Amino acid sequence: MRTGPDRAGLPEDLGLLVELDGGSRLPELTAALDEVCEEAGARRGRTVVVLRVTPASHEPREWPGDVSIQEVKRWERAVRRLERLDHVNIAVVEGTCGGPVLDLLLAADYRIAGADLRLMLPINGGHFWPGMTLYRLVQHIGLARARRIVLWDSAIELHEATALGIVDQVSEDLTDAVHTAAVLRGRLSDRETHIRRRLLEEAASAEYDDALGVHLAACDRELRRLTGTGAKPTEAAK
């Protein structure tokens, strides 16, 4: 597994391209994810983080295997760290994938899949792994559809992943698709993207009146950013 950043595949040094071996053990994947988050967080300019997951040569059906709860907790923290970056993150997957792939797809801002993608769900002894993938799945596609997948399915085919919005783009040429996405999404990869991502997440559960103040504060910040003023938030936005 190559855990270090590889910028050769990105135009104009827009960001970090990291390849992850889908067959790696959980601690190795956690370390790789923490490493790229650390480097991305140290960048001051706009940066795109691209995670390209290669299918395991021998895909184990069960996930995450023989690990401790501490290792699971570290993995969940690493995935959460990825989805809270100020920078846009793009997940690229292909082939028959299992293990951590659904975690990474649901935590990504943009998801690109090869035409041969098939998602094997994280199942142990017939039961869906009860990690935060389950939570993200409900948040992403709704309770009814998530219930059917979690209780009855063992895999998600490409057409269904696209219909559910788990995949945003399908491409025969993944290298070209990554280049294009990095250019387009890189223009929006900054602190403002992070704020809008948080507003979207909170909208799923917040009551209107509770959300209003947060959105007004964000609007006030945007107005001050556009006018170049450093004024304090107005009373209406507090």
C-alpha atoms as a PDB file:
ATOM      1  CA  MET A   1       0.000   0.000   0.000  1.00  0.00           C
ATOM      2  CA  ARG A   2       1.258   3.451  -0.882  1.00  0.00           C
ATOM      3  CA  THR A   3       0.346   5.734   1.972  1.00  0.00           C
ATOM      4  CA  GLY A   4       2.313   8.832   0.975  1.00  0.00           C
ATOM      5  CA  PRO A   5       0.921  11.582  -1.266  1.00  0.00           C
ATOM      6  CA  ASP A   6       1.416  11.278  -5.007  1.00  0.00           C
ATOM      7  CA  ARG A   7       0.886  14.567  -6.832  1.00  0.00           C
ATOM      8  CA  ALA A   8       1.890  13.281 -10.263  1.00  0.00           C
ATOM      9  CA  GLY A   9      -1.687  12.438 -11.169  1.00  0.00           C
ATOM     10  CA  LEU A  10      -3.167  15.851 -10.330  1.00  0.00           C
ATOM     11  CA  PRO A  11      -2.932  18.936 -12.565  1.00  0.00           C
ATOM     12  CA  GLU A  12      -1.264  22.110 -11.308  1.00  0.00           C
ATOM     13  CA  ASP A  13      -0.422  20.463  -8.000  1.00  0.00           C
ATOM     14  CA  LEU A  14      -3.998  20.942  -6.835  1.00  0.00           C
ATOM     15  CA  GLY A  15      -3.820  18.412  -4.082  1.00  0.00           C
ATOM     16  CA  LEU A  16      -3.009  14.972  -2.796  1.00  0.00           C
ATOM     17  CA  LEU A  17      -3.609  11.725  -4.617  1.00  0.00           C
ATOM     18  CA  VAL A  18      -3.324   8.708  -2.350  1.00  0.00           C
ATOM     19  CA  GLU A  19      -3.832   5.072  -3.276  1.00  0.00           C
ATOM     20  CA  LEU A  20      -5.231   2.751  -0.637  1.00  0.00           C
ATOM     21  CA  ASP A  21      -5.158  -1.020  -0.900  1.00  0.00           C
ATOM     22  CA  GLY A  22      -8.661  -2.217  -0.079  1.00  0.00           C
ATOM     23  CA  GLY A  23      -7.203  -5.438   1.283  1.00  0.00           C
ATOM     24  CA  SER A  24      -5.051  -3.764   3.937  1.00  0.00           C
ATOM     25  CA  ARG A  25      -5.732  -4.322   7.615  1.00  0.00           C
ATOM     26  CA  LEU A  26      -7.714  -1.751   9.556  1.00  0.00           C
ATOM     27  CA  PRO A  27      -4.720  -0.267  11.485  1.00  0.00           C
ATOM     28  CA  GLU A  28      -2.804   0.274   8.219  1.00  0.00           C
ATOM     29  CA  LEU A  29      -5.760   1.993   6.576  1.00  0.00           C
ATOM     30  CA  THR A  30      -6.279   4.164   9.660  1.00  0.00           C
ATOM     31  CA  ALA A  31      -2.627   5.261   9.613  1.00  0.00           C
ATOM     32  CA  ALA A  32      -2.833   6.075   5.893  1.00  0.00           C
ATOM     33  CA  LEU A  33      -6.002   8.131   6.370  1.00  0.00           C
ATOM     34  CA  ASP A  34      -4.533  10.023   9.325  1.00  0.00           C
ATOM     35  CA  GLU A  35      -1.388  10.750   7.312  1.00  0.00           C
ATOM     36  CA  VAL A  36      -3.192  12.301   4.382  1.00  0.00           C
ATOM     37  CA  CYS A  37      -5.487  14.312   6.684  1.00  0.00           C
ATOM     38  CA  GLU A  38      -2.414  15.626   8.509  1.00  0.00           C
ATOM     39  CA  GLU A  39      -0.753  16.742   5.298  1.00  0.00           C
ATOM     40  CA  ALA A  40      -3.931  18.210   3.838  1.00  0.00           C
ATOM     41  CA  GLY A  41      -4.579  20.116   7.050  1.00  0.00           C
ATOM     42  CA  ALA A  42      -1.113  21.664   6.891  1.00  0.00           C
ATOM     43  CA  ARG A  43      -1.808  23.168   3.462  1.00  0.00           C
ATOM     44  CA  ARG A  44      -2.863  26.804   3.437  1.00  0.00           C
ATOM     45  CA  GLY A  45      -4.038  27.006  -0.170  1.00  0.00           C
ATOM     46  CA  ARG A  46      -6.911  25.240  -1.851  1.00  0.00           C
ATOM     47  CA  THR A  47      -6.325  21.504  -1.916  1.00  0.00           C
ATOM     48  CA  VAL A  48      -8.232  18.500  -3.167  1.00  0.00           C
ATOM     49  CA  VAL A  49      -7.763  15.162  -1.414  1.00  0.00           C
ATOM     50  CA  VAL A  50      -8.230  12.194  -3.748  1.00  0.00           C
ATOM     51  CA  LEU A  51      -8.453   8.699  -2.268  1.00  0.00           C
ATOM     52  CA  ARG A  52      -8.201   6.008  -4.906  1.00  0.00           C
ATOM     53  CA  VAL A  53      -9.055   2.605  -3.480  1.00  0.00           C
ATOM     54  CA  THR A  54      -7.742  -0.434  -5.335  1.00  0.00           C
ATOM     55  CA  PRO A  55      -9.654  -3.708  -4.899  1.00  0.00           C
ATOM     56  CA  ALA A  56      -8.018  -6.371  -2.756  1.00  0.00           C
ATOM     57  CA  SER A  57      -6.558  -9.294  -4.707  1.00  0.00           C
ATOM     58  CA  HIS A  58      -8.491 -11.563  -2.353  1.00  0.00           C
ATOM     59  CA  GLU A  59     -11.457  -9.715  -0.883  1.00  0.00           C
ATOM     60  CA  PRO A  60     -12.351 -11.120   2.537  1.00  0.00           C
ATOM     61  CA  ARG A  61     -16.119 -11.206   3.010  1.00  0.00           C
ATOM     62  CA  GLU A  62     -15.999 -10.181   6.641  1.00  0.00           C
ATOM     63  CA  TRP A  63     -15.060  -6.727   7.887  1.00  0.00           C
ATOM     64  CA  PRO A  64     -13.185  -5.459   9.854  1.00  0.00           C
ATOM     65  CA  GLY A  65     -11.760  -8.840  10.882  1.00  0.00           C
ATOM     66  CA  ASP A  66      -9.770  -9.567  14.027  1.00  0.00           C
ATOM     67  CA  VAL A  67      -9.407  -6.102  15.582  1.00  0.00           C
ATOM     68  CA  SER A  68      -9.898  -4.468  18.965  1.00  0.00           C
ATOM     69  CA  ILE A  69     -12.568  -1.907  19.786  1.00  0.00           C
ATOM     70  CA  GLN A  70      -9.761   0.646  20.220  1.00  0.00           C
ATOM     71  CA  GLU A  71      -8.681   0.049  16.623  1.00  0.00           C
ATOM     72  CA  VAL A  72     -12.275   0.446  15.456  1.00  0.00           C
ATOM     73  CA  LYS A  73     -12.541   3.709  17.388  1.00  0.00           C
ATOM     74  CA  ARG A  74      -9.341   5.046  15.798  1.00  0.00           C
ATOM     75  CA  TRP A  75     -10.682   4.163  12.352  1.00  0.00           C
ATOM     76  CA  GLU A  76     -13.977   5.957  13.002  1.00  0.00           C
ATOM     77  CA  ARG A  77     -12.057   9.018  14.174  1.00  0.00           C
ATOM     78  CA  ALA A  78      -9.913   8.979  11.027  1.00  0.00           C
ATOM     79  CA  VAL A  79     -12.959   8.777   8.753  1.00  0.00           C
ATOM     80  CA  ARG A  80     -14.629  11.600  10.672  1.00  0.00           C
ATOM     81  CA  ARG A  81     -11.447  13.627  10.364  1.00  0.00           C
ATOM     82  CA  LEU A  82     -11.542  13.121   6.595  1.00  0.00           C
ATOM     83  CA  GLU A  83     -15.109  14.330   6.217  1.00  0.00           C
ATOM     84  CA  ARG A  84     -14.456  17.397   8.395  1.00  0.00           C
ATOM     85  CA  LEU A  85     -11.463  18.655   6.408  1.00  0.00           C
ATOM     86  CA  ASP A  86     -11.694  22.177   5.041  1.00  0.00           C
ATOM     87  CA  HIS A  87     -10.687  20.671   1.705  1.00  0.00           C
ATOM     88  CA  VAL A  88     -12.877  18.810  -0.770  1.00  0.00           C
ATOM     89  CA  ASN A  89     -12.247  15.065  -0.730  1.00  0.00           C
ATOM     90  CA  ILE A  90     -12.908  12.756  -3.675  1.00  0.00           C
ATOM     91  CA  ALA A  91     -13.194   8.959  -3.472  1.00  0.00           C
ATOM     92  CA  VAL A  92     -12.369   6.841  -6.519  1.00  0.00           C
ATOM     93  CA  VAL A  93     -13.284   3.143  -6.538  1.00  0.00           C
ATOM     94  CA  GLU A  94     -13.436   0.307  -9.049  1.00  0.00           C
ATOM     95  CA  GLY A  95     -13.898  -3.440  -9.285  1.00  0.00           C
ATOM     96  CA  THR A  96     -15.463  -5.607  -6.599  1.00  0.00           C
ATOM     97  CA  CYS A  97     -14.846  -3.762  -3.343  1.00  0.00           C
ATOM     98  CA  GLY A  98     -15.708  -4.545   0.238  1.00  0.00           C
ATOM     99  CA  GLY A  99     -14.232  -3.742   3.624  1.00  0.00           C
ATOM    100  CA  PRO A 100     -13.771  -0.005   4.170  1.00  0.00           C
ATOM    101  CA  VAL A 101     -14.971   1.203   0.758  1.00  0.00           C
ATOM    102  CA  LEU A 102     -18.548   2.057   1.759  1.00  0.00           C
ATOM    103  CA  ASP A 103     -17.190   4.001   4.751  1.00  0.00           C
ATOM    104  CA  LEU A 104     -14.952   6.087   2.491  1.00  0.00           C
ATOM    105  CA  LEU A 105     -17.607   6.644  -0.172  1.00  0.00           C
ATOM    106  CA  LEU A 106     -20.163   7.916   2.329  1.00  0.00           C
ATOM    107  CA  ALA A 107     -17.588  10.244   3.916  1.00  0.00           C
ATOM    108  CA  ALA A 108     -16.496  11.715   0.557  1.00  0.00           C
ATOM    109  CA  ASP A 109     -17.735  14.952  -0.995  1.00  0.00           C
ATOM    110  CA  TYR A 110     -17.602  13.495  -4.503  1.00  0.00           C
ATOM    111  CA  ARG A 111     -17.528   9.853  -5.601  1.00  0.00           C
ATOM    112  CA  ILE A 112     -16.218   8.460  -8.870  1.00  0.00           C
ATOM    113  CA  ALA A 113     -16.646   4.799  -9.813  1.00  0.00           C
ATOM    114  CA  GLY A 114     -15.305   2.568 -12.534  1.00  0.00           C
ATOM    115  CA  ALA A 115     -17.832   0.874 -14.789  1.00  0.00           C
ATOM    116  CA  ASP A 116     -17.116  -2.464 -13.101  1.00  0.00           C
ATOM    117  CA  LEU A 117     -17.837  -1.371  -9.531  1.00  0.00           C
ATOM    118  CA  ARG A 118     -19.670  -3.755  -7.214  1.00  0.00           C
ATOM    119  CA  LEU A 119     -19.904  -2.907  -3.518  1.00  0.00           C
ATOM    120  CA  MET A 120     -19.773  -5.869  -1.155  1.00  0.00           C
ATOM    121  CA  LEU A 121     -21.335  -4.838   2.132  1.00  0.00           C
ATOM    122  CA  PRO A 122     -19.449  -5.225   5.452  1.00  0.00           C
ATOM    123  CA  ILE A 123     -21.087  -8.349   6.820  1.00  0.00           C
ATOM    124  CA  ASN A 124     -20.082 -10.736   9.613  1.00  0.00           C
ATOM    125  CA  GLY A 125     -21.967 -13.993  10.014  1.00  0.00           C
ATOM    126  CA  GLY A 126     -24.781 -12.604   7.894  1.00  0.00           C
ATOM    127  CA  HIS A 127     -25.117  -9.378   9.902  1.00  0.00           C
ATOM    128  CA  PHE A 128     -24.213  -5.875   8.703  1.00  0.00           C
ATOM    129  CA  TRP A 129     -21.245  -4.393  10.579  1.00  0.00           C
ATOM    130  CA  PRO A 130     -22.760  -1.935  13.119  1.00  0.00           C
ATOM    131  CA  GLY A 131     -20.173   0.825  12.679  1.00  0.00           C
ATOM    132  CA  MET A 132     -20.826   4.419  11.664  1.00  0.00           C
ATOM    133  CA  THR A 133     -21.308   3.300   8.066  1.00  0.00           C
ATOM    134  CA  LEU A 134     -24.816   2.343   9.173  1.00  0.00           C
ATOM    135  CA  TYR A 135     -25.403   5.857  10.531  1.00  0.00           C
ATOM    136  CA  ARG A 136     -24.056   7.535   7.398  1.00  0.00           C
ATOM    137  CA  LEU A 137     -26.139   5.270   5.192  1.00  0.00           C
ATOM    138  CA  VAL A 138     -29.356   6.377   6.913  1.00  0.00           C
ATOM    139  CA  GLN A 139     -28.322  10.024   6.730  1.00  0.00           C
ATOM    140  CA  HIS A 140     -27.455   9.666   3.057  1.00  0.00           C
ATOM    141  CA  ILE A 141     -30.307   7.624   1.582  1.00  0.00           C
ATOM    142  CA  GLY A 142     -33.001   7.643   4.268  1.00  0.00           C
ATOM    143  CA  LEU A 143     -34.230   5.080   6.765  1.00  0.00           C
ATOM    144  CA  ALA A 144     -36.461   2.977   4.503  1.00  0.00           C
ATOM    145  CA  ARG A 145     -33.870   2.323   1.812  1.00  0.00           C
ATOM    146  CA  ALA A 146     -31.088   1.881   4.354  1.00  0.00           C
ATOM    147  CA  ARG A 147     -33.191  -0.668   6.273  1.00  0.00           C
ATOM    148  CA  ARG A 148     -33.623  -2.795   3.166  1.00  0.00           C
ATOM    149  CA  ILE A 149     -29.898  -2.748   2.389  1.00  0.00           C
ATOM    150  CA  VAL A 150     -28.796  -3.428   5.967  1.00  0.00           C
ATOM    151  CA  LEU A 151     -31.279  -6.208   6.696  1.00  0.00           C
ATOM    152  CA  TRP A 152     -31.576  -7.937   3.342  1.00  0.00           C
ATOM    153  CA  ASP A 153     -28.792  -7.137   0.872  1.00  0.00           C
ATOM    154  CA  SER A 154     -25.217  -8.408   0.639  1.00  0.00           C
ATOM    155  CA  ALA A 155     -24.040  -6.169  -2.184  1.00  0.00           C
ATOM    156  CA  ILE A 156     -24.884  -2.927  -3.979  1.00  0.00           C
ATOM    157  CA  GLU A 157     -24.632  -3.057  -7.762  1.00  0.00           C
ATOM    158  CA  LEU A 158     -23.381  -0.063  -9.732  1.00  0.00           C
ATOM    159  CA  HIS A 159     -26.785   1.000 -11.080  1.00  0.00           C
ATOM    160  CA  GLU A 160     -28.243   1.024  -7.564  1.00  0.00           C
ATOM    161  CA  ALA A 161     -25.246   2.879  -6.087  1.00  0.00           C
ATOM    162  CA  THR A 162     -25.742   5.555  -8.742  1.00  0.00           C
ATOM    163  CA  ALA A 163     -29.497   5.759  -8.206  1.00  0.00           C
ATOM    164  CA  LEU A 164     -29.000   6.110  -4.431  1.00  0.00           C
ATOM    165  CA  GLY A 165     -26.381   8.846  -4.847  1.00  0.00           C
ATOM    166  CA  ILE A 166     -23.640   6.719  -3.281  1.00  0.00           C
ATOM    167  CA  VAL A 167     -21.788   7.202  -6.591  1.00  0.00           C
ATOM    168  CA  ASP A 168     -21.838  10.604  -8.345  1.00  0.00           C
ATOM    169  CA  GLN A 169     -20.003   9.755 -11.549  1.00  0.00           C
ATOM    170  CA  VAL A 170     -19.206   6.607 -13.517  1.00  0.00           C
ATOM    171  CA  SER A 171     -16.241   6.646 -15.879  1.00  0.00           C
ATOM    172  CA  GLU A 172     -14.337   4.241 -18.098  1.00  0.00           C
ATOM    173  CA  ASP A 173     -11.287   6.504 -17.762  1.00  0.00           C
ATOM    174  CA  LEU A 174     -10.753   7.087 -14.051  1.00  0.00           C
ATOM    175  CA  THR A 175      -7.524   9.053 -14.509  1.00  0.00           C
ATOM    176  CA  ASP A 176      -9.237  11.610 -16.732  1.00  0.00           C
ATOM    177  CA  ALA A 177     -12.247  11.750 -14.420  1.00  0.00           C
ATOM    178  CA  VAL A 178      -9.980  12.469 -11.433  1.00  0.00           C
ATOM    179  CA  HIS A 179      -8.169  15.250 -13.310  1.00  0.00           C
ATOM    180  CA  THR A 180     -11.438  16.937 -14.274  1.00  0.00           C
ATOM    181  CA  ALA A 181     -12.974  16.615 -10.817  1.00  0.00           C
ATOM    182  CA  ALA A 182      -9.826  17.951  -9.132  1.00  0.00           C
ATOM    183  CA  VAL A 183      -9.856  21.051 -11.334  1.00  0.00           C
ATOM    184  CA  LEU A 184     -13.574  21.766 -10.896  1.00  0.00           C
ATOM    185  CA  ARG A 185     -13.869  20.927  -7.187  1.00  0.00           C
ATOM    186  CA  GLY A 186     -10.500  22.474  -6.359  1.00  0.00           C
ATOM    187  CA  ARG A 187     -11.881  25.926  -7.064  1.00  0.00           C
ATOM    188  CA  LEU A 188     -14.295  25.462  -4.157  1.00  0.00           C
ATOM    189  CA  SER A 189     -11.995  23.678  -1.742  1.00  0.00           C
ATOM    190  CA  ASP A 190     -11.591  25.956   1.262  1.00  0.00           C
ATOM    191  CA  ARG A 191     -13.073  26.887   4.625  1.00  0.00           C
ATOM    192  CA  GLU A 192     -16.336  28.010   3.005  1.00  0.00           C
ATOM    193  CA  THR A 193     -16.932  24.506   1.646  1.00  0.00           C
ATOM    194  CA  HIS A 194     -16.454  23.119   5.158  1.00  0.00           C
ATOM    195  CA  ILE A 195     -19.098  25.514   6.513  1.00  0.00           C
ATOM    196  CA  ARG A 196     -21.643  24.557   3.859  1.00  0.00           C
ATOM    197  CA  ARG A 197     -20.986  20.874   4.435  1.00  0.00           C
ATOM    198  CA  ARG A 198     -21.750  21.321   8.129  1.00  0.00           C
ATOM    199  CA  LEU A 199     -24.955  23.218   7.362  1.00  0.00           C
ATOM    200  CA  LEU A 200     -26.098  20.391   5.106  1.00  0.00           C
ATOM    201  CA  GLU A 201     -25.366  17.786   7.777  1.00  0.00           C
ATOM    202  CA  GLU A 202     -27.203  19.683  10.492  1.00  0.00           C
ATOM    203  CA  ALA A 203     -30.219  20.351   8.261  1.00  0.00           C
ATOM    204  CA  ALA A 204     -31.124  16.666   8.395  1.00  0.00           C
ATOM    205  CA  SER A 205     -31.987  16.834  12.099  1.00  0.00           C
ATOM    206  CA  ALA A 206     -32.266  20.472  13.208  1.00  0.00           C
ATOM    207  CA  GLU A 207     -35.608  22.237  13.677  1.00  0.00           C
ATOM    208  CA  TYR A 208     -36.139  25.314  11.484  1.00  0.00           C
ATOM    209  CA  ASP A 209     -35.979  27.833  14.324  1.00  0.00           C
ATOM    210  CA  ASP A 210     -32.806  26.236  15.688  1.00  0.00           C
ATOM    211  CA  ALA A 211     -31.186  26.240  12.256  1.00  0.00           C
ATOM    212  CA  LEU A 212     -32.138  29.807  11.396  1.00  0.00           C
ATOM    213  CA  GLY A 213     -29.566  31.491  13.640  1.00  0.00           C
ATOM    214  CA  VAL A 214     -26.729  29.314  12.354  1.00  0.00           C
ATOM    215  CA  HIS A 215     -27.668  29.996   8.727  1.00  0.00           C
ATOM    216  CA  LEU A 216     -27.978  33.738   9.332  1.00  0.00           C
ATOM    217  CA  ALA A 217     -24.515  33.744  10.899  1.00  0.00           C
ATOM    218  CA  ALA A 218     -23.168  31.912   7.841  1.00  0.00           C
ATOM    219  CA  CYS A 219     -24.896  34.398   5.534  1.00  0.00           C
ATOM    220  CA  ASP A 220     -23.446  37.304   7.496  1.00  0.00           C
ATOM    221  CA  ARG A 221     -19.977  35.769   7.235  1.00  0.00           C
ATOM    222  CA  GLU A 222     -20.426  35.358   3.476  1.00  0.00           C
ATOM    223  CA  LEU A 223     -21.551  38.960   3.007  1.00  0.00           C
ATOM    224  CA  ARG A 224     -18.519  40.220   4.937  1.00  0.00           C
ATOM    225  CA  ARG A 225     -16.244  37.930   2.939  1.00  0.00           C
ATOM    226  CA  LEU A 226     -17.629  39.168  -0.392  1.00  0.00           C
ATOM    227  CA  THR A 227     -17.305  42.835   0.576  1.00  0.00           C
ATOM    228  CA  GLY A 228     -13.880  42.355   2.132  1.00  0.00           C
ATOM    229  CA  THR A 229     -14.993  43.861   5.446  1.00  0.00           C
ATOM    230  CA  GLY A 230     -13.851  42.550   8.774  1.00  0.00           C
ATOM    231  CA  ALA A 231     -16.862  43.831  10.658  1.00  0.00           C
ATOM    232  CA  LYS A 232     -18.288  41.884  13.538  1.00  0.00           C
ATOM    233  CA  PRO A 233     -21.477  39.883  12.931  1.00  0.00           C
ATOM    234  CA  THR A 234     -24.615  42.002  12.870  1.00  0.00           C
ATOM    235  CA  GLU A 235     -27.265  41.716  15.550  1.00  0.00           C
ATOM    236  CA  ALA A 236     -29.632  40.017  13.095  1.00  0.00           C
ATOM    237  CA  ALA A 237     -27.117  37.252  12.549  1.00  0.00           C
ATOM    238  CA  LYS A 238     -26.484  36.554  16.217  1.00  0.00           C
END
